[in-house]
N, C-alpha and C. Protein backbone atom coordinates (compact mmCIF):
# COMPACT_ATOMS: atom_id res chain seq x y z
N MET A 1 -14.40 38.61 16.07
CA MET A 1 -15.20 38.25 17.28
C MET A 1 -15.16 39.34 18.45
N LYS A 2 -16.22 39.90 18.80
CA LYS A 2 -15.94 40.63 19.83
C LYS A 2 -17.06 39.76 21.08
N LEU A 3 -16.27 40.02 22.23
CA LEU A 3 -17.26 39.85 23.30
C LEU A 3 -17.76 40.70 24.08
N ASP A 4 -18.83 40.80 24.71
CA ASP A 4 -19.44 41.86 25.37
C ASP A 4 -19.17 41.43 26.88
N THR A 5 -19.51 40.42 27.24
CA THR A 5 -19.32 39.77 28.23
C THR A 5 -18.78 38.37 28.65
N VAL A 6 -18.34 38.07 29.46
CA VAL A 6 -17.84 36.48 29.80
C VAL A 6 -18.39 36.22 31.06
N SER A 7 -18.80 34.94 31.14
CA SER A 7 -19.21 34.34 32.41
C SER A 7 -18.30 33.79 33.32
N VAL A 8 -18.07 34.04 34.59
CA VAL A 8 -16.84 33.41 35.44
C VAL A 8 -17.85 32.92 36.29
N SER A 9 -17.90 31.67 36.89
CA SER A 9 -18.62 31.14 37.93
C SER A 9 -20.02 31.90 38.38
N GLY A 10 -20.54 31.87 37.20
CA GLY A 10 -22.30 32.73 36.70
C GLY A 10 -21.90 34.19 37.21
N GLN A 11 -20.73 34.61 37.42
CA GLN A 11 -20.79 36.25 37.22
C GLN A 11 -20.38 36.95 36.10
N PRO A 12 -20.79 37.90 35.52
CA PRO A 12 -20.65 38.46 34.35
C PRO A 12 -19.16 39.39 34.65
N VAL A 13 -18.44 39.11 33.67
CA VAL A 13 -17.00 39.66 33.58
C VAL A 13 -17.17 40.55 32.30
N ILE A 14 -16.87 41.96 32.47
CA ILE A 14 -17.02 42.80 31.08
C ILE A 14 -15.29 43.25 30.72
N PRO A 15 -15.03 42.76 29.50
CA PRO A 15 -13.60 43.07 29.00
C PRO A 15 -13.40 44.39 29.02
N SER A 16 -11.91 44.88 29.24
CA SER A 16 -11.52 46.11 29.26
C SER A 16 -10.83 46.42 28.01
N SER A 17 -11.05 47.80 27.54
CA SER A 17 -10.02 48.01 26.35
C SER A 17 -8.64 48.32 26.68
N THR A 18 -8.31 48.69 27.94
CA THR A 18 -7.11 48.72 28.29
C THR A 18 -6.38 48.02 29.57
N VAL A 19 -5.39 47.71 29.82
CA VAL A 19 -5.24 47.09 30.89
C VAL A 19 -3.64 47.71 31.03
N LYS A 20 -3.30 47.95 32.94
CA LYS A 20 -2.23 48.45 33.16
C LYS A 20 -1.51 47.42 33.99
N SER A 21 -0.26 47.23 33.61
CA SER A 21 0.95 46.13 34.15
C SER A 21 1.95 46.85 34.32
N LEU A 22 2.65 46.69 35.29
CA LEU A 22 4.16 47.61 35.89
C LEU A 22 4.09 48.60 35.13
N GLY A 23 2.88 49.86 35.65
CA GLY A 23 3.02 50.65 35.14
C GLY A 23 2.84 51.32 33.79
N VAL A 24 2.69 50.26 32.52
CA VAL A 24 2.65 50.49 31.18
C VAL A 24 0.99 50.08 31.08
N VAL A 25 0.39 50.89 30.09
CA VAL A 25 -0.87 50.81 29.57
C VAL A 25 -1.10 49.96 28.38
N LEU A 26 -1.57 48.97 28.34
CA LEU A 26 -1.94 48.37 26.97
C LEU A 26 -3.09 48.47 26.39
N ASP A 27 -3.41 48.75 25.24
CA ASP A 27 -4.68 49.04 24.74
C ASP A 27 -4.89 47.61 23.84
N ASN A 28 -6.22 47.65 23.29
CA ASN A 28 -6.65 46.11 22.79
C ASN A 28 -5.98 46.16 21.39
N THR A 29 -5.23 47.28 20.99
CA THR A 29 -4.76 47.01 19.60
C THR A 29 -3.03 47.46 19.60
N LEU A 30 -2.79 47.32 21.03
CA LEU A 30 -1.10 47.43 21.27
C LEU A 30 -0.54 48.53 20.68
N SER A 31 -1.45 49.68 20.20
CA SER A 31 -0.87 50.96 19.58
C SER A 31 -0.06 52.06 20.83
N MET A 32 -0.06 51.44 22.02
CA MET A 32 0.12 52.14 22.96
C MET A 32 0.00 54.01 22.99
N ASP A 33 -1.11 54.10 22.74
CA ASP A 33 -1.63 55.45 22.82
C ASP A 33 -1.96 56.06 23.62
N GLN A 34 -2.83 55.01 24.78
CA GLN A 34 -2.98 55.38 26.11
C GLN A 34 -1.78 55.88 26.97
N HIS A 35 -0.90 54.76 26.84
CA HIS A 35 0.09 55.04 27.66
C HIS A 35 0.80 56.12 27.28
N VAL A 36 1.23 56.44 26.16
CA VAL A 36 1.89 57.62 25.55
C VAL A 36 1.05 58.81 26.17
N ALA A 37 -0.30 58.94 26.13
CA ALA A 37 -0.89 60.36 26.72
C ALA A 37 -0.65 60.37 28.13
N ASP A 38 -0.68 59.22 28.83
CA ASP A 38 -0.40 59.07 30.36
C ASP A 38 1.11 59.55 30.64
N VAL A 39 1.98 59.32 29.91
CA VAL A 39 3.48 59.39 30.21
C VAL A 39 3.40 60.80 29.98
N CYS A 40 3.15 61.23 28.88
CA CYS A 40 3.17 62.93 28.50
C CYS A 40 2.57 63.78 29.46
N LYS A 41 1.42 63.49 29.81
CA LYS A 41 0.60 64.29 30.84
C LYS A 41 1.34 64.41 32.10
N ASN A 42 2.08 63.01 32.54
CA ASN A 42 2.96 63.14 33.87
C ASN A 42 4.05 63.91 33.71
N CYS A 43 4.49 63.54 32.61
CA CYS A 43 5.84 64.22 32.40
C CYS A 43 5.74 65.81 32.31
N TYR A 44 4.41 66.32 31.58
CA TYR A 44 4.64 67.55 31.62
C TYR A 44 4.32 68.44 32.73
N PHE A 45 3.73 67.84 33.78
CA PHE A 45 3.16 68.07 35.07
C PHE A 45 4.50 68.55 35.69
N HIS A 46 5.36 67.45 35.89
CA HIS A 46 6.58 67.59 36.32
C HIS A 46 7.46 68.48 35.94
N ILE A 47 7.57 68.98 34.47
CA ILE A 47 8.00 69.78 33.78
C ILE A 47 7.76 71.30 34.16
N ARG A 48 6.40 71.65 34.23
CA ARG A 48 5.98 72.91 34.78
C ARG A 48 6.08 73.10 36.13
N ALA A 49 6.33 72.09 37.11
CA ALA A 49 6.75 72.21 38.55
C ALA A 49 8.12 72.56 38.57
N LEU A 50 9.18 72.03 37.59
CA LEU A 50 10.42 72.32 37.63
C LEU A 50 10.67 73.55 36.96
N HIS A 51 9.88 73.86 36.06
CA HIS A 51 9.99 75.10 35.49
C HIS A 51 9.93 76.47 36.73
N HIS A 52 8.62 76.21 37.59
CA HIS A 52 8.51 77.17 38.39
C HIS A 52 9.73 77.33 39.55
N VAL A 53 10.65 76.52 39.73
CA VAL A 53 11.46 76.33 40.88
C VAL A 53 12.79 76.60 40.17
N ARG A 54 12.95 76.76 38.65
CA ARG A 54 13.91 76.78 37.98
C ARG A 54 15.15 77.60 38.62
N ALA A 55 14.61 78.76 38.56
CA ALA A 55 15.41 80.10 38.85
C ALA A 55 16.22 80.01 40.26
N SER A 56 15.67 79.12 41.25
CA SER A 56 16.04 79.09 42.72
C SER A 56 17.13 77.67 43.01
N LEU A 57 17.36 76.73 41.66
CA LEU A 57 18.24 75.77 41.82
C LEU A 57 19.21 76.09 41.03
N PRO A 58 20.46 75.29 41.41
CA PRO A 58 21.70 75.41 40.57
C PRO A 58 21.43 74.26 39.40
N ASP A 59 22.53 74.75 38.64
CA ASP A 59 22.09 73.78 36.99
C ASP A 59 22.49 72.38 37.25
N ASN A 60 23.38 72.12 38.17
CA ASN A 60 23.59 70.44 38.56
C ASN A 60 22.38 69.73 38.87
N VAL A 61 21.85 70.59 40.07
CA VAL A 61 20.67 70.02 40.66
C VAL A 61 19.43 70.03 39.88
N VAL A 62 19.40 70.90 38.93
CA VAL A 62 18.24 70.86 37.82
C VAL A 62 18.29 69.75 36.91
N ARG A 63 19.41 69.57 36.67
CA ARG A 63 19.94 68.49 35.66
C ARG A 63 19.55 67.20 36.52
N THR A 64 19.65 67.14 37.45
CA THR A 64 19.65 65.88 38.14
C THR A 64 18.36 65.49 38.34
N VAL A 65 17.44 66.41 38.76
CA VAL A 65 15.89 66.39 38.90
C VAL A 65 15.36 65.86 37.94
N ALA A 66 15.78 66.47 36.62
CA ALA A 66 15.08 66.27 35.30
C ALA A 66 15.45 64.84 34.59
N CYS A 67 16.43 64.58 35.14
CA CYS A 67 16.89 63.33 34.84
C CYS A 67 15.93 62.31 35.77
N SER A 68 16.10 62.38 36.78
CA SER A 68 15.64 61.34 38.00
C SER A 68 13.73 61.46 37.76
N ILE A 69 13.41 62.54 37.41
CA ILE A 69 11.89 62.68 37.44
C ILE A 69 10.99 62.68 36.19
N VAL A 70 11.79 63.17 35.09
CA VAL A 70 11.05 63.19 33.86
C VAL A 70 11.68 62.17 32.91
N GLN A 71 12.98 62.32 32.89
CA GLN A 71 13.78 61.75 31.77
C GLN A 71 13.72 60.15 32.05
N SER A 72 13.48 59.61 33.42
CA SER A 72 13.41 58.18 33.78
C SER A 72 12.01 57.65 33.44
N ARG A 73 10.90 58.65 33.37
CA ARG A 73 9.54 58.30 32.74
C ARG A 73 9.50 57.89 31.33
N LEU A 74 10.28 58.84 30.37
CA LEU A 74 10.17 58.71 29.39
C LEU A 74 11.11 57.15 28.62
N ASP A 75 12.26 57.04 29.80
CA ASP A 75 13.01 55.75 29.43
C ASP A 75 12.34 54.50 29.94
N TYR A 76 11.52 54.48 31.00
CA TYR A 76 10.80 53.27 31.12
C TYR A 76 9.99 52.72 30.41
N CYS A 77 10.39 51.31 30.24
CA CYS A 77 9.83 50.41 29.36
C CYS A 77 9.68 50.74 27.75
N ASN A 78 10.87 51.56 27.59
CA ASN A 78 10.98 52.11 26.20
C ASN A 78 11.21 51.18 24.95
N ALA A 79 11.77 49.88 25.50
CA ALA A 79 11.75 48.80 24.43
C ALA A 79 10.49 48.43 24.06
N LEU A 80 9.43 48.62 24.66
CA LEU A 80 8.10 48.56 23.92
C LEU A 80 7.80 49.30 23.19
N PHE A 81 8.21 50.43 22.88
CA PHE A 81 8.02 51.22 21.84
C PHE A 81 8.42 51.04 20.70
N THR A 82 9.27 50.16 20.27
CA THR A 82 9.82 49.75 18.96
C THR A 82 8.47 49.36 17.96
N GLY A 83 8.79 50.04 17.19
CA GLY A 83 7.35 49.92 16.23
C GLY A 83 6.26 50.85 16.32
N MET A 84 6.40 51.69 17.18
CA MET A 84 5.22 52.40 17.69
C MET A 84 5.04 53.62 16.33
N SER A 85 3.94 54.28 16.49
CA SER A 85 3.54 55.06 15.12
C SER A 85 4.45 56.29 15.50
N GLU A 86 4.44 56.92 14.44
CA GLU A 86 5.36 58.27 14.31
C GLU A 86 4.79 59.33 15.13
N ALA A 87 3.19 59.34 15.35
CA ALA A 87 2.51 60.34 15.91
C ALA A 87 3.25 60.19 17.59
N ASN A 88 3.05 58.55 18.23
CA ASN A 88 3.49 58.86 19.41
C ASN A 88 4.76 58.88 19.89
N LEU A 89 5.70 58.79 18.65
CA LEU A 89 7.12 59.04 19.01
C LEU A 89 7.30 60.49 19.15
N SER A 90 6.46 61.45 18.30
CA SER A 90 6.75 62.55 18.02
C SER A 90 6.31 63.20 19.44
N LYS A 91 5.21 62.69 20.16
CA LYS A 91 4.67 63.32 21.53
C LYS A 91 5.87 63.17 22.60
N LEU A 92 6.28 62.09 22.30
CA LEU A 92 7.52 61.76 23.36
C LEU A 92 8.85 62.77 23.40
N GLN A 93 8.99 63.07 21.71
CA GLN A 93 10.13 63.73 21.63
C GLN A 93 9.93 65.15 22.01
N ARG A 94 8.58 65.56 22.17
CA ARG A 94 8.41 66.83 22.05
C ARG A 94 8.31 67.06 23.67
N VAL A 95 8.21 66.18 24.46
CA VAL A 95 8.30 66.11 25.88
C VAL A 95 9.67 66.04 26.28
N GLN A 96 10.52 65.36 25.64
CA GLN A 96 12.15 65.63 26.03
C GLN A 96 12.60 66.96 25.37
N ASN A 97 12.24 67.47 24.25
CA ASN A 97 12.66 68.94 24.11
C ASN A 97 12.20 69.59 24.82
N THR A 98 10.78 69.50 25.59
CA THR A 98 10.29 70.80 26.28
C THR A 98 11.38 70.81 27.76
N LEU A 99 11.62 69.60 28.09
CA LEU A 99 12.46 69.31 29.18
C LEU A 99 13.74 70.01 28.98
N ALA A 100 14.37 69.50 28.09
CA ALA A 100 15.55 70.19 27.70
C ALA A 100 15.50 71.72 27.69
N ARG A 101 14.59 72.42 26.97
CA ARG A 101 14.46 74.04 27.16
C ARG A 101 14.53 74.28 28.69
N VAL A 102 13.71 73.72 29.21
CA VAL A 102 13.59 74.33 30.76
C VAL A 102 14.96 74.04 31.43
N VAL A 103 15.75 72.92 31.25
CA VAL A 103 16.99 72.55 32.17
C VAL A 103 18.05 73.61 31.40
N LEU A 104 18.14 73.91 30.27
CA LEU A 104 19.10 74.65 29.79
C LEU A 104 18.72 76.23 29.53
N ARG A 105 17.60 76.39 29.89
CA ARG A 105 16.84 78.05 29.96
C ARG A 105 16.94 78.70 28.10
N ARG A 106 16.50 77.48 27.47
CA ARG A 106 16.52 78.00 25.90
C ARG A 106 15.08 78.29 25.43
N GLY A 107 15.21 79.27 24.50
CA GLY A 107 14.09 79.80 24.21
C GLY A 107 12.91 78.74 23.32
N LYS A 108 11.62 78.99 22.97
CA LYS A 108 10.88 78.20 22.19
C LYS A 108 11.34 77.90 20.94
N TYR A 109 11.86 78.89 20.16
CA TYR A 109 12.23 78.68 18.89
C TYR A 109 13.70 78.39 18.67
N GLU A 110 14.52 78.15 19.60
CA GLU A 110 15.81 77.71 19.50
C GLU A 110 16.24 76.46 18.87
N ARG A 111 17.31 76.24 18.30
CA ARG A 111 17.25 74.45 17.87
C ARG A 111 17.30 73.98 19.09
N ILE A 112 17.00 72.69 18.90
CA ILE A 112 16.86 71.85 20.25
C ILE A 112 17.85 70.56 19.93
N THR A 113 18.80 70.56 19.03
CA THR A 113 19.71 69.26 18.95
C THR A 113 20.91 69.51 19.68
N PRO A 114 21.25 70.86 19.43
CA PRO A 114 22.39 70.94 20.11
C PRO A 114 22.15 70.92 21.75
N ALA A 115 20.91 71.61 22.05
CA ALA A 115 20.56 71.13 23.84
C ALA A 115 20.61 69.60 24.15
N LEU A 116 20.15 68.94 23.61
CA LEU A 116 20.00 67.45 23.63
C LEU A 116 21.84 67.04 23.57
N SER A 117 22.37 67.34 22.87
CA SER A 117 23.82 67.10 23.10
C SER A 117 24.24 67.59 23.59
N GLU A 118 24.19 69.00 24.36
CA GLU A 118 24.88 69.56 25.54
C GLU A 118 24.66 68.51 26.72
N LEU A 119 23.13 67.97 26.98
CA LEU A 119 22.90 67.10 28.07
C LEU A 119 23.27 65.76 27.98
N HIS A 120 23.78 65.26 26.79
CA HIS A 120 24.06 64.08 26.63
C HIS A 120 22.93 63.04 26.60
N TRP A 121 21.71 63.44 25.92
CA TRP A 121 20.54 62.71 25.97
C TRP A 121 20.24 62.20 24.29
N LEU A 122 20.26 61.17 24.34
CA LEU A 122 19.92 60.76 23.20
C LEU A 122 18.37 61.12 22.67
N PRO A 123 17.92 61.35 21.25
CA PRO A 123 16.22 61.73 21.16
C PRO A 123 15.65 60.24 21.43
N VAL A 124 14.62 60.18 21.44
CA VAL A 124 13.62 59.28 21.84
C VAL A 124 13.69 58.05 21.03
N ARG A 125 13.57 58.25 19.90
CA ARG A 125 13.90 57.06 18.89
C ARG A 125 15.24 56.53 18.93
N GLN A 126 16.33 57.17 18.92
CA GLN A 126 17.41 56.56 19.24
C GLN A 126 17.59 56.02 20.64
N SER A 127 17.12 56.50 21.56
CA SER A 127 17.36 55.78 22.74
C SER A 127 16.47 54.34 22.87
N ILE A 128 15.42 54.33 22.17
CA ILE A 128 14.48 53.00 22.20
C ILE A 128 15.57 52.05 21.58
N ASP A 129 16.21 52.81 20.29
CA ASP A 129 16.98 51.51 19.45
C ASP A 129 18.27 51.09 20.20
N PHE A 130 18.65 52.28 21.11
CA PHE A 130 19.90 51.72 21.60
C PHE A 130 19.55 50.82 22.75
N LYS A 131 18.38 50.75 23.45
CA LYS A 131 18.23 49.89 24.64
C LYS A 131 17.64 48.67 23.83
N VAL A 132 17.00 48.41 22.86
CA VAL A 132 16.92 47.29 22.38
C VAL A 132 18.09 46.67 21.76
N ALA A 133 19.24 47.35 20.94
CA ALA A 133 20.22 47.09 20.86
C ALA A 133 21.06 46.46 21.75
N THR A 134 21.37 47.12 23.22
CA THR A 134 22.01 46.74 24.14
C THR A 134 21.31 45.64 24.74
N ALA A 135 20.19 45.60 24.92
CA ALA A 135 19.46 44.32 25.60
C ALA A 135 19.69 43.01 24.57
N THR A 136 19.83 43.09 23.43
CA THR A 136 19.81 42.18 22.35
C THR A 136 21.14 41.59 22.21
N PHE A 137 22.53 42.45 22.43
CA PHE A 137 23.79 42.14 21.99
C PHE A 137 24.37 42.01 23.35
N ILE A 138 24.03 41.96 24.42
CA ILE A 138 25.05 41.86 25.54
C ILE A 138 24.45 40.67 26.01
N SER A 139 24.97 39.61 25.93
CA SER A 139 24.94 37.94 26.47
C SER A 139 24.82 38.11 28.09
N PRO A 140 24.02 37.23 28.60
CA PRO A 140 24.02 36.80 29.96
C PRO A 140 25.54 36.69 30.50
N CYS A 141 26.37 35.92 29.64
CA CYS A 141 27.64 35.67 30.48
C CYS A 141 28.21 37.10 30.84
N ASP A 142 28.18 38.17 29.68
CA ASP A 142 28.94 39.01 30.03
C ASP A 142 28.17 40.01 31.30
N VAL A 143 26.68 39.66 31.31
CA VAL A 143 26.56 40.23 32.70
C VAL A 143 26.87 39.74 34.01
N ILE A 144 27.18 38.28 33.70
CA ILE A 144 27.74 37.54 34.76
C ILE A 144 29.09 37.74 35.01
N ARG A 145 29.77 38.07 34.09
CA ARG A 145 31.11 38.52 34.30
C ARG A 145 31.43 39.95 34.89
N GLN A 146 30.71 40.73 34.48
CA GLN A 146 30.72 41.99 34.91
C GLN A 146 30.29 42.17 36.36
N VAL A 147 29.17 41.22 36.82
CA VAL A 147 28.82 41.43 38.22
C VAL A 147 29.86 40.68 39.08
N LYS A 148 30.43 39.85 38.68
CA LYS A 148 31.52 39.22 39.26
C LYS A 148 32.63 39.66 39.61
N TYR A 149 33.15 40.56 38.19
CA TYR A 149 34.34 41.40 38.48
C TYR A 149 34.21 42.49 39.48
N ARG A 150 32.84 43.09 39.54
CA ARG A 150 32.62 44.25 40.50
C ARG A 150 32.87 43.87 41.70
N ARG A 151 32.21 42.60 41.82
CA ARG A 151 32.44 41.94 43.32
C ARG A 151 34.06 41.35 43.66
N GLY A 152 34.95 41.74 42.68
CA GLY A 152 36.18 41.05 42.96
C GLY A 152 36.26 39.88 42.91
N THR A 153 35.57 39.07 42.43
CA THR A 153 36.09 37.42 42.11
C THR A 153 36.00 37.57 40.52
N LYS A 154 37.28 37.85 40.24
CA LYS A 154 37.44 37.43 38.78
C LYS A 154 37.64 36.33 38.10
N PHE A 155 37.59 35.80 37.14
CA PHE A 155 37.68 34.72 36.41
C PHE A 155 39.32 34.16 36.53
N ALA A 156 39.64 33.17 36.80
CA ALA A 156 40.92 32.59 36.92
C ALA A 156 41.24 32.61 35.30
N SER A 157 40.53 32.19 34.56
CA SER A 157 41.15 32.53 33.09
C SER A 157 39.81 32.34 31.95
N LEU A 158 40.11 32.77 30.92
CA LEU A 158 39.25 32.70 29.83
C LEU A 158 38.45 31.27 29.49
N ASP A 159 39.22 30.41 29.78
CA ASP A 159 38.31 29.35 29.82
C ASP A 159 37.44 29.02 30.68
N GLN A 160 37.38 29.38 31.97
CA GLN A 160 36.38 29.37 32.93
C GLN A 160 35.43 30.32 32.13
N TYR A 161 35.58 31.33 32.06
CA TYR A 161 34.40 32.19 31.46
C TYR A 161 33.75 31.65 30.41
N ARG A 162 34.28 30.98 29.15
CA ARG A 162 33.97 30.17 28.12
C ARG A 162 33.05 29.21 28.59
N GLY A 163 33.55 28.58 29.72
CA GLY A 163 32.77 27.27 30.09
C GLY A 163 31.23 27.80 30.46
N LEU A 164 31.22 29.24 31.01
CA LEU A 164 29.91 29.53 31.53
C LEU A 164 29.23 30.06 30.37
N SER A 165 29.39 30.36 29.12
CA SER A 165 28.81 31.04 28.05
C SER A 165 27.47 29.52 27.28
N ARG A 166 26.73 30.11 27.22
CA ARG A 166 25.77 29.67 26.52
C ARG A 166 25.92 29.01 25.13
N LYS A 167 25.05 27.77 25.06
CA LYS A 167 25.28 27.34 23.87
C LYS A 167 25.24 28.14 22.56
N ARG A 168 26.29 28.37 21.53
CA ARG A 168 26.04 29.03 20.32
C ARG A 168 24.55 28.70 19.58
N TYR A 169 24.22 29.37 18.80
CA TYR A 169 23.13 29.14 17.92
C TYR A 169 23.57 28.25 16.45
N THR A 170 22.97 27.06 16.32
CA THR A 170 23.57 26.37 15.32
C THR A 170 22.89 26.17 13.96
N GLY A 171 22.11 26.86 14.00
CA GLY A 171 21.25 26.98 12.85
C GLY A 171 19.63 26.60 12.89
N TYR A 172 18.99 26.48 11.63
CA TYR A 172 17.59 26.25 11.70
C TYR A 172 17.34 24.61 12.24
N ARG A 173 16.44 24.66 13.13
CA ARG A 173 15.93 23.16 13.74
C ARG A 173 14.33 23.22 13.56
N PRO A 174 13.98 22.35 12.71
CA PRO A 174 12.13 22.17 12.45
C PRO A 174 11.58 21.74 13.79
N ILE A 175 10.35 22.63 13.71
CA ILE A 175 9.75 22.69 14.79
C ILE A 175 9.44 21.29 15.63
N ASP A 176 9.27 20.08 14.53
CA ASP A 176 8.83 18.87 14.94
C ASP A 176 9.96 18.18 15.72
N THR A 177 11.30 18.74 15.94
CA THR A 177 11.92 18.15 16.60
C THR A 177 12.39 18.86 17.96
N ILE A 178 11.65 19.90 18.26
CA ILE A 178 11.91 20.49 19.51
C ILE A 178 11.84 19.42 21.02
N ASP A 179 10.89 18.59 20.72
CA ASP A 179 10.60 17.55 21.86
C ASP A 179 11.38 16.63 22.20
N GLN A 180 12.62 16.52 21.04
CA GLN A 180 13.33 15.56 21.05
C GLN A 180 14.58 15.62 21.79
């Protein structure tokens, strides 16, 4: 069923095919095509600018600028890219490869895997998997413990730490018992 317009308080509201929230463009099929196109366009703009000033900057500054301006755009909300099409993933990978070539002054036809390794960058697909795995397997208690440890308030004992942990998953529970 396709809606052309919706009336709210007598005023017509025309549905949009895309919506932008927190910098992520979602389309009506959740294919992320428009978001990937926007990210690639912005990244290539900054890569070209970096390429123009590359000769006058020291290597460590170029790496910092590349990570802070371009690589951060590739990593932003990349957990949403799980299950994305291979075509979109390859577009993002080409952006990262181009950035690595500019940073390390590599030629167009040189192998890129050693360059990514030298920069300590994961390929886009592995970066997405790593982010999802990290978010999935680090429990909230681990985060609390790390924050408290960094602030200087260590737990007095392991029992106190265990007391903060959430309940463990006990197995399947039928839907009709959720309200009980």
